[in-house]
Each structure stands twice: as structure tokens, then as C-alpha cells.
Amino acid sequence: MAKAVITQLPAHDDHPGMEITWAADCRLVFNRGVSFAQAWLDNPRSGWLWAAMIAERDHLPRAIERRAFEVGFLSRIHQRLCSPRCGVEPLRDVTLSL
């Protein structure tokens, strides 16, 4: 069995970060997903969220890399949506297990 590799999602927008354990080293593509989501959030004319994610994700060759990109991308969007700074009640805490 391959050694587990831990990826860190830092806290952002007053929302906590988390750790994710992968069967392979997916830190670079996970971080790329987080960065790409932040770029989408920072640009008010970035187009449709789903289209941006799919277009970038589909450049990755392996399924585990595509999944890591998606998790990083959507985790960063989740942090923004659940941020107390968004002016809405944050979602209840949910335990994430992958």
C-alpha cells in the first residue's frame, strides 16, 4: 500500500482549513485548484463557475489529479460561501471524511 500524503487547505475568509489524505502526492494539483478558485473569486468577470472548473480540470491526465483539483477548487469556494464575512449565517460544521 502506498504511503498516505496529507494536503493542507489553509484557513481563509474566517473559515477554518482542513487536512485531506490522498493515496498519492496530489498537493500540487490540489493547490492549483485552490489558486484557480481564488482567481475566479477575485475576478468579477470570470464566467460560469462550473465551466471554469471543468475547463481547467480536464487538462489533468490522471483521475486522482482531476479529483484533487476539484476538491481544492470547491473547498476554496466553500470557504467563501461559508465565511461569516459573506453576511449570511455560516453552514453548520460538517465532518469531512474521504
N, C-alpha and C. Protein backbone atom coordinates (compact mmCIF):
# COMPACT_ATOMS: atom_id res chain seq x y z
N MET A 1 0.84 -1.18 0.00
CA MET A 1 0.00 0.00 0.00
C MET A 1 0.89 1.24 0.00
N ALA A 2 0.52 2.22 -0.79
CA ALA A 2 1.29 3.45 -0.89
C ALA A 2 1.15 4.26 0.40
N LYS A 3 2.19 5.02 0.68
CA LYS A 3 2.17 5.89 1.85
C LYS A 3 1.16 7.02 1.62
N ALA A 4 0.38 7.32 2.63
CA ALA A 4 -0.60 8.41 2.54
C ALA A 4 0.11 9.76 2.52
N VAL A 5 -0.43 10.67 1.76
CA VAL A 5 0.13 12.02 1.65
C VAL A 5 -0.93 13.01 2.11
N ILE A 6 -0.57 13.85 3.05
CA ILE A 6 -1.52 14.82 3.61
C ILE A 6 -1.38 16.14 2.87
N THR A 7 -2.53 16.71 2.51
CA THR A 7 -2.61 18.02 1.88
C THR A 7 -3.33 18.97 2.82
N GLN A 8 -2.83 20.17 2.93
CA GLN A 8 -3.41 21.17 3.82
C GLN A 8 -4.18 22.23 3.02
N LEU A 9 -5.39 22.50 3.44
CA LEU A 9 -6.14 23.66 2.95
C LEU A 9 -6.08 24.68 4.06
N PRO A 10 -5.38 25.81 3.85
CA PRO A 10 -5.28 26.80 4.91
C PRO A 10 -6.63 27.48 5.18
N ALA A 11 -6.78 27.98 6.39
CA ALA A 11 -7.96 28.78 6.72
C ALA A 11 -7.99 30.00 5.80
N HIS A 12 -9.20 30.45 5.47
CA HIS A 12 -9.34 31.61 4.58
C HIS A 12 -10.72 32.21 4.78
N ASP A 13 -10.85 33.51 4.63
CA ASP A 13 -12.14 34.20 4.77
C ASP A 13 -12.81 33.88 6.11
N ASP A 14 -12.03 33.79 7.17
CA ASP A 14 -12.52 33.46 8.50
C ASP A 14 -13.20 32.09 8.57
N HIS A 15 -12.85 31.21 7.66
CA HIS A 15 -13.38 29.84 7.68
C HIS A 15 -12.19 28.91 7.89
N PRO A 16 -12.33 27.88 8.72
CA PRO A 16 -11.18 27.02 9.03
C PRO A 16 -10.68 26.24 7.83
N GLY A 17 -9.44 25.87 7.91
CA GLY A 17 -8.84 24.99 6.91
C GLY A 17 -9.11 23.54 7.26
N MET A 18 -8.45 22.64 6.54
CA MET A 18 -8.62 21.22 6.81
C MET A 18 -7.44 20.45 6.24
N GLU A 19 -7.36 19.19 6.61
CA GLU A 19 -6.36 18.27 6.06
C GLU A 19 -7.09 17.21 5.26
N ILE A 20 -6.50 16.82 4.14
CA ILE A 20 -7.04 15.74 3.32
C ILE A 20 -5.90 14.76 3.08
N THR A 21 -6.20 13.49 3.21
CA THR A 21 -5.21 12.44 2.99
C THR A 21 -5.47 11.77 1.65
N TRP A 22 -4.42 11.71 0.82
CA TRP A 22 -4.51 11.11 -0.51
C TRP A 22 -3.64 9.85 -0.56
N ALA A 23 -3.94 8.99 -1.50
CA ALA A 23 -3.13 7.79 -1.71
C ALA A 23 -1.89 8.11 -2.54
N ALA A 24 -1.87 9.26 -3.17
CA ALA A 24 -0.72 9.69 -3.99
C ALA A 24 -0.46 11.16 -3.68
N ASP A 25 0.69 11.66 -4.09
CA ASP A 25 1.02 13.06 -3.84
C ASP A 25 0.25 13.94 -4.80
N CYS A 26 -0.81 14.55 -4.29
CA CYS A 26 -1.67 15.42 -5.10
C CYS A 26 -1.60 16.86 -4.64
N ARG A 27 -0.59 17.18 -3.85
CA ARG A 27 -0.52 18.54 -3.29
C ARG A 27 -0.47 19.62 -4.36
N LEU A 28 0.31 19.42 -5.40
CA LEU A 28 0.43 20.47 -6.42
C LEU A 28 -0.88 20.74 -7.14
N VAL A 29 -1.58 19.69 -7.57
CA VAL A 29 -2.84 19.92 -8.29
C VAL A 29 -3.94 20.38 -7.34
N PHE A 30 -3.93 19.93 -6.10
CA PHE A 30 -4.88 20.43 -5.10
C PHE A 30 -4.68 21.93 -4.92
N ASN A 31 -3.42 22.35 -4.71
CA ASN A 31 -3.12 23.77 -4.53
C ASN A 31 -3.45 24.57 -5.79
N ARG A 32 -3.25 23.96 -6.95
CA ARG A 32 -3.63 24.61 -8.21
C ARG A 32 -5.13 24.85 -8.26
N GLY A 33 -5.91 23.89 -7.79
CA GLY A 33 -7.37 24.07 -7.73
C GLY A 33 -7.76 25.19 -6.79
N VAL A 34 -7.11 25.25 -5.62
CA VAL A 34 -7.38 26.32 -4.66
C VAL A 34 -7.04 27.68 -5.29
N SER A 35 -5.87 27.78 -5.91
CA SER A 35 -5.44 29.04 -6.53
C SER A 35 -6.35 29.45 -7.68
N PHE A 36 -6.77 28.47 -8.47
CA PHE A 36 -7.65 28.78 -9.61
C PHE A 36 -9.00 29.28 -9.12
N ALA A 37 -9.52 28.68 -8.05
CA ALA A 37 -10.78 29.14 -7.46
C ALA A 37 -10.64 30.56 -6.93
N GLN A 38 -9.51 30.85 -6.27
CA GLN A 38 -9.30 32.20 -5.75
C GLN A 38 -9.25 33.21 -6.88
N ALA A 39 -8.59 32.84 -7.98
CA ALA A 39 -8.55 33.74 -9.14
C ALA A 39 -9.96 33.97 -9.68
N TRP A 40 -10.77 32.92 -9.71
CA TRP A 40 -12.16 33.07 -10.17
C TRP A 40 -12.93 34.00 -9.24
N LEU A 41 -12.75 33.84 -7.93
CA LEU A 41 -13.44 34.68 -6.95
C LEU A 41 -13.00 36.14 -7.05
N ASP A 42 -11.73 36.37 -7.35
CA ASP A 42 -11.19 37.73 -7.40
C ASP A 42 -11.57 38.48 -8.67
N ASN A 43 -12.02 37.77 -9.70
CA ASN A 43 -12.34 38.40 -10.98
C ASN A 43 -13.85 38.35 -11.20
N PRO A 44 -14.52 39.51 -11.11
CA PRO A 44 -15.98 39.51 -11.25
C PRO A 44 -16.47 39.10 -12.64
N ARG A 45 -15.59 39.08 -13.62
CA ARG A 45 -16.00 38.69 -14.98
C ARG A 45 -15.35 37.38 -15.40
N SER A 46 -15.27 36.43 -14.49
CA SER A 46 -14.59 35.18 -14.80
C SER A 46 -15.47 34.13 -15.46
N GLY A 47 -16.71 34.43 -15.69
CA GLY A 47 -17.58 33.46 -16.35
C GLY A 47 -18.22 32.50 -15.36
N TRP A 48 -18.81 31.47 -15.89
CA TRP A 48 -19.51 30.48 -15.09
C TRP A 48 -18.53 29.65 -14.26
N LEU A 49 -18.86 29.45 -13.00
CA LEU A 49 -18.02 28.69 -12.09
C LEU A 49 -17.77 27.27 -12.61
N TRP A 50 -18.82 26.58 -12.98
CA TRP A 50 -18.68 25.19 -13.43
C TRP A 50 -17.84 25.08 -14.68
N ALA A 51 -17.98 26.03 -15.60
CA ALA A 51 -17.21 25.99 -16.85
C ALA A 51 -15.73 26.22 -16.59
N ALA A 52 -15.42 27.15 -15.69
CA ALA A 52 -14.02 27.42 -15.35
C ALA A 52 -13.38 26.19 -14.73
N MET A 53 -14.08 25.55 -13.81
CA MET A 53 -13.52 24.37 -13.15
C MET A 53 -13.32 23.22 -14.12
N ILE A 54 -14.31 22.93 -14.93
CA ILE A 54 -14.22 21.80 -15.86
C ILE A 54 -13.13 22.03 -16.90
N ALA A 55 -13.06 23.23 -17.45
CA ALA A 55 -12.07 23.53 -18.48
C ALA A 55 -10.65 23.33 -17.96
N GLU A 56 -10.39 23.76 -16.75
CA GLU A 56 -9.05 23.62 -16.18
C GLU A 56 -8.78 22.18 -15.73
N ARG A 57 -9.75 21.56 -15.12
CA ARG A 57 -9.61 20.19 -14.62
C ARG A 57 -9.31 19.20 -15.74
N ASP A 58 -9.94 19.38 -16.88
CA ASP A 58 -9.81 18.41 -17.96
C ASP A 58 -8.42 18.37 -18.59
N HIS A 59 -7.54 19.29 -18.22
CA HIS A 59 -6.16 19.26 -18.71
C HIS A 59 -5.31 18.25 -17.94
N LEU A 60 -5.82 17.75 -16.83
CA LEU A 60 -5.05 16.83 -15.99
C LEU A 60 -5.20 15.40 -16.49
N PRO A 61 -4.10 14.65 -16.55
CA PRO A 61 -4.13 13.33 -17.18
C PRO A 61 -4.73 12.20 -16.32
N ARG A 62 -4.54 12.25 -15.00
CA ARG A 62 -4.97 11.12 -14.17
C ARG A 62 -6.22 11.47 -13.36
N ALA A 63 -7.05 10.46 -13.14
CA ALA A 63 -8.30 10.67 -12.41
C ALA A 63 -8.05 11.22 -11.00
N ILE A 64 -7.04 10.72 -10.30
CA ILE A 64 -6.78 11.19 -8.94
C ILE A 64 -6.36 12.67 -8.95
N GLU A 65 -5.65 13.10 -9.99
CA GLU A 65 -5.27 14.51 -10.11
C GLU A 65 -6.50 15.37 -10.40
N ARG A 66 -7.38 14.90 -11.26
CA ARG A 66 -8.62 15.65 -11.54
C ARG A 66 -9.45 15.79 -10.27
N ARG A 67 -9.53 14.69 -9.50
CA ARG A 67 -10.29 14.73 -8.24
C ARG A 67 -9.65 15.71 -7.26
N ALA A 68 -8.33 15.69 -7.13
CA ALA A 68 -7.63 16.61 -6.22
C ALA A 68 -7.86 18.06 -6.62
N PHE A 69 -7.81 18.34 -7.93
CA PHE A 69 -8.08 19.69 -8.41
C PHE A 69 -9.50 20.12 -8.03
N GLU A 70 -10.47 19.24 -8.27
CA GLU A 70 -11.87 19.55 -7.94
C GLU A 70 -12.04 19.81 -6.45
N VAL A 71 -11.44 18.97 -5.62
CA VAL A 71 -11.57 19.14 -4.17
C VAL A 71 -10.94 20.45 -3.73
N GLY A 72 -9.77 20.78 -4.25
CA GLY A 72 -9.14 22.05 -3.91
C GLY A 72 -9.97 23.24 -4.36
N PHE A 73 -10.44 23.18 -5.59
CA PHE A 73 -11.25 24.27 -6.17
C PHE A 73 -12.52 24.47 -5.36
N LEU A 74 -13.27 23.39 -5.16
CA LEU A 74 -14.56 23.51 -4.47
C LEU A 74 -14.40 23.80 -2.98
N SER A 75 -13.30 23.35 -2.38
CA SER A 75 -13.06 23.67 -0.97
C SER A 75 -12.85 25.16 -0.78
N ARG A 76 -12.13 25.78 -1.69
CA ARG A 76 -11.90 27.23 -1.59
C ARG A 76 -13.21 28.00 -1.79
N ILE A 77 -14.04 27.55 -2.74
CA ILE A 77 -15.35 28.18 -2.96
C ILE A 77 -16.20 27.99 -1.70
N HIS A 78 -16.16 26.80 -1.11
CA HIS A 78 -16.91 26.50 0.11
C HIS A 78 -16.50 27.45 1.24
N GLN A 79 -15.20 27.68 1.38
CA GLN A 79 -14.74 28.60 2.42
C GLN A 79 -15.36 29.98 2.23
N ARG A 80 -15.43 30.46 1.01
CA ARG A 80 -16.00 31.78 0.76
C ARG A 80 -17.50 31.78 1.05
N LEU A 81 -18.19 30.76 0.59
CA LEU A 81 -19.64 30.70 0.80
C LEU A 81 -20.01 30.60 2.28
N CYS A 82 -19.19 29.92 3.05
CA CYS A 82 -19.47 29.71 4.47
C CYS A 82 -18.81 30.75 5.36
N SER A 83 -18.18 31.73 4.77
CA SER A 83 -17.48 32.74 5.54
C SER A 83 -18.46 33.66 6.26
N PRO A 84 -18.18 33.96 7.53
CA PRO A 84 -19.01 34.93 8.23
C PRO A 84 -18.97 36.31 7.56
N ARG A 85 -17.93 36.56 6.79
CA ARG A 85 -17.80 37.86 6.11
C ARG A 85 -18.75 38.00 4.93
N CYS A 86 -19.39 36.92 4.53
CA CYS A 86 -20.34 36.98 3.41
C CYS A 86 -21.68 37.56 3.85
N GLY A 87 -21.84 37.80 5.14
CA GLY A 87 -23.06 38.42 5.63
C GLY A 87 -24.24 37.46 5.78
N VAL A 88 -23.96 36.17 5.79
CA VAL A 88 -25.03 35.19 6.00
C VAL A 88 -24.59 34.26 7.11
N GLU A 89 -25.51 33.52 7.65
CA GLU A 89 -25.18 32.54 8.66
C GLU A 89 -24.29 31.46 8.05
N PRO A 90 -23.18 31.12 8.68
CA PRO A 90 -22.35 30.02 8.15
C PRO A 90 -23.09 28.69 8.26
N LEU A 91 -22.76 27.79 7.36
CA LEU A 91 -23.33 26.46 7.42
C LEU A 91 -22.84 25.75 8.65
N ARG A 92 -23.63 24.82 9.12
CA ARG A 92 -23.20 24.06 10.30
C ARG A 92 -21.94 23.28 9.99
N ASP A 93 -21.16 23.00 11.00
CA ASP A 93 -19.93 22.22 10.81
C ASP A 93 -20.29 20.82 10.35
N VAL A 94 -19.58 20.36 9.35
CA VAL A 94 -19.77 19.02 8.81
C VAL A 94 -18.43 18.32 8.82
N THR A 95 -18.38 17.12 9.35
CA THR A 95 -17.14 16.35 9.34
C THR A 95 -16.93 15.79 7.96
N LEU A 96 -15.75 16.04 7.41
CA LEU A 96 -15.40 15.57 6.07
C LEU A 96 -14.58 14.31 6.19
N SER A 97 -15.03 13.26 5.56
CA SER A 97 -14.24 12.04 5.52
C SER A 97 -14.19 11.55 4.08
N LEU A 98 -12.99 11.37 3.59
CA LEU A 98 -12.80 10.93 2.21
C LEU A 98 -12.22 9.54 2.19
